[in-house]
Amino acid sequence: MRTARPGWRFWQGLTPRNLALLLLLVLVIISLFALVDYLAHSLSEEYAVPSYYFRNKVIFGTLIGFAACLLTRNRGLFTRSLAFSSSVSVLLQVRYFLEGYPPDFVVTFLFIHFLILLPVSLLVFRLAGERVWK
């Protein structure tokens, strides 16, 4: 009797099509997030950031979010959204802290980013339904 290879269950059901849909879904979430974040940063001169900040947010946010989605794809909607939002928020802010942004700025936008990402990810994950999470 053959046994399954270790780790096989994790990849089971992940076709190239599902991976592409998942990546596209994450890109949509991060793009909406970057748009709302751009508006938040435009509210005050104190919150102004260089333009590359948003480009980097889309690139790194998509990579982090894709990894978070892969790791939580067998979880429920709220758990998946919570893990996605918290991992993207925290890891992006760690990166900005290491780049030299002031700690109060980093902590403030950690919470703002989380509060933007959670409802956006909940909505998009719910709309996507089971097509991507099989």
Protein backbone atom coordinates (compact mmCIF):
# COMPACT_ATOMS: atom_id res chain seq x y z
CA MET A 1 0.00 0.00 0.00
CA ARG A 2 1.43 3.35 -1.03
CA THR A 3 1.33 6.31 1.28
CA ALA A 4 1.08 9.89 0.14
CA ARG A 5 4.24 11.89 -0.05
CA PRO A 6 4.75 14.42 2.76
CA GLY A 7 3.34 17.79 1.78
CA TRP A 8 1.23 16.36 -1.04
CA ARG A 9 -2.02 17.22 0.69
CA PHE A 10 -1.04 20.89 0.81
CA TRP A 11 -0.68 21.04 -2.99
CA GLN A 12 -3.68 18.83 -3.71
CA GLY A 13 -6.23 20.68 -5.80
CA LEU A 14 -3.89 23.54 -6.70
CA THR A 15 -3.90 23.60 -10.46
CA PRO A 16 -2.03 26.24 -12.46
CA ARG A 17 -5.43 27.80 -13.19
CA ASN A 18 -6.29 28.03 -9.48
CA LEU A 19 -2.87 29.49 -8.68
CA ALA A 20 -3.29 32.10 -11.42
CA LEU A 21 -6.78 32.99 -10.16
CA LEU A 22 -5.49 33.24 -6.62
CA LEU A 23 -2.63 35.52 -7.69
CA LEU A 24 -5.07 37.70 -9.64
CA LEU A 25 -7.42 37.83 -6.66
CA VAL A 26 -4.60 38.93 -4.36
CA LEU A 27 -3.48 41.55 -6.89
CA VAL A 28 -7.03 42.96 -7.00
CA ILE A 29 -7.17 43.16 -3.19
CA ILE A 30 -3.75 44.81 -2.93
CA SER A 31 -4.58 47.26 -5.74
CA LEU A 32 -7.79 48.34 -4.00
CA PHE A 33 -5.83 48.59 -0.76
CA ALA A 34 -3.14 50.74 -2.42
CA LEU A 35 -5.79 53.06 -3.85
CA VAL A 36 -7.46 53.60 -0.47
CA ASP A 37 -4.03 53.93 1.17
CA TYR A 38 -3.07 56.57 -1.41
CA LEU A 39 -6.14 58.55 -0.42
CA ALA A 40 -5.26 58.18 3.28
CA HIS A 41 -1.71 59.40 2.66
CA SER A 42 -3.08 62.37 0.71
CA LEU A 43 -5.06 63.65 3.69
CA SER A 44 -2.15 65.40 5.35
CA GLU A 45 1.34 66.60 4.50
CA GLU A 46 2.50 64.74 7.60
CA TYR A 47 1.49 61.43 5.97
CA ALA A 48 3.07 62.16 2.57
CA VAL A 49 5.28 59.41 1.13
CA PRO A 50 7.31 59.12 -2.09
CA SER A 51 5.58 57.61 -5.13
CA TYR A 52 7.67 54.41 -5.06
CA TYR A 53 6.02 53.61 -1.70
CA PHE A 54 2.83 52.55 -3.50
CA ARG A 55 4.60 50.64 -6.27
CA ASN A 56 6.54 48.69 -3.63
CA LYS A 57 3.34 48.15 -1.66
CA VAL A 58 1.70 46.49 -4.68
CA ILE A 59 4.71 44.29 -5.44
CA PHE A 60 5.54 43.16 -1.91
CA GLY A 61 1.93 43.16 -0.72
CA THR A 62 0.98 40.82 -3.55
CA LEU A 63 3.82 38.42 -2.75
CA ILE A 64 3.07 38.42 0.97
CA GLY A 65 -0.67 38.12 0.38
CA PHE A 66 -0.24 35.26 -2.09
CA ALA A 67 1.85 33.33 0.45
CA ALA A 68 -0.72 34.03 3.18
CA CYS A 69 -3.53 32.80 0.93
CA LEU A 70 -1.67 29.61 0.11
CA LEU A 71 -1.08 28.90 3.79
CA THR A 72 -4.69 29.59 4.81
CA ARG A 73 -6.59 28.34 1.79
CA ASN A 74 -8.27 25.51 3.75
CA ARG A 75 -9.57 27.84 6.47
CA GLY A 76 -12.85 29.68 6.80
CA LEU A 77 -13.56 33.06 5.24
CA PHE A 78 -12.97 35.21 8.33
CA THR A 79 -9.85 33.32 9.43
CA ARG A 80 -8.41 33.58 5.92
CA SER A 81 -9.15 37.32 5.73
CA LEU A 82 -7.76 37.93 9.21
CA ALA A 83 -4.53 36.06 8.46
CA PHE A 84 -4.18 37.76 5.07
CA SER A 85 -4.79 41.26 6.45
CA SER A 86 -2.56 40.90 9.48
CA SER A 87 0.36 39.31 7.64
CA VAL A 88 0.35 41.89 4.84
CA SER A 89 -0.04 44.79 7.30
CA VAL A 90 2.64 43.64 9.71
CA LEU A 91 5.23 42.57 7.16
CA LEU A 92 4.86 45.73 5.07
CA GLN A 93 5.23 47.89 8.16
CA VAL A 94 8.30 45.94 9.33
CA ARG A 95 9.81 46.66 5.94
CA TYR A 96 9.01 50.38 6.21
CA PHE A 97 10.42 50.51 9.73
CA LEU A 98 13.66 48.95 8.49
CA GLU A 99 13.75 51.54 5.69
CA GLY A 100 13.81 54.27 8.33
CA TYR A 101 10.25 55.53 8.57
CA PRO A 102 9.49 56.99 12.05
CA PRO A 103 8.04 54.47 14.54
CA ASP A 104 4.89 56.52 15.21
CA PHE A 105 4.20 56.66 11.46
CA VAL A 106 4.76 52.90 11.17
CA VAL A 107 2.44 52.03 14.07
CA THR A 108 -0.27 54.44 12.91
CA PHE A 109 -0.29 53.01 9.41
CA LEU A 110 -0.05 49.44 10.70
CA PHE A 111 -3.54 49.86 12.12
CA ILE A 112 -4.81 51.87 9.15
CA HIS A 113 -3.53 49.23 6.73
CA PHE A 114 -5.15 46.45 8.72
CA LEU A 115 -8.46 48.33 8.87
CA ILE A 116 -8.37 48.85 5.10
CA LEU A 117 -7.32 45.30 4.24
CA LEU A 118 -9.75 43.37 6.43
CA PRO A 119 -13.03 44.54 4.85
CA VAL A 120 -11.56 44.57 1.33
CA SER A 121 -10.24 41.02 1.67
CA LEU A 122 -13.47 39.79 3.26
CA LEU A 123 -15.48 41.24 0.39
CA VAL A 124 -13.24 39.96 -2.40
CA PHE A 125 -12.79 36.51 -0.85
CA ARG A 126 -16.55 36.23 -0.41
CA LEU A 127 -17.22 37.30 -4.00
CA ALA A 128 -14.62 34.83 -5.30
CA GLY A 129 -16.38 32.02 -3.49
CA GLU A 130 -15.12 28.48 -3.86
CA ARG A 131 -13.83 28.92 -7.41
CA VAL A 132 -10.36 29.74 -6.12
CA TRP A 133 -10.28 27.84 -2.83
CA LYS A 134 -10.82 24.30 -4.09
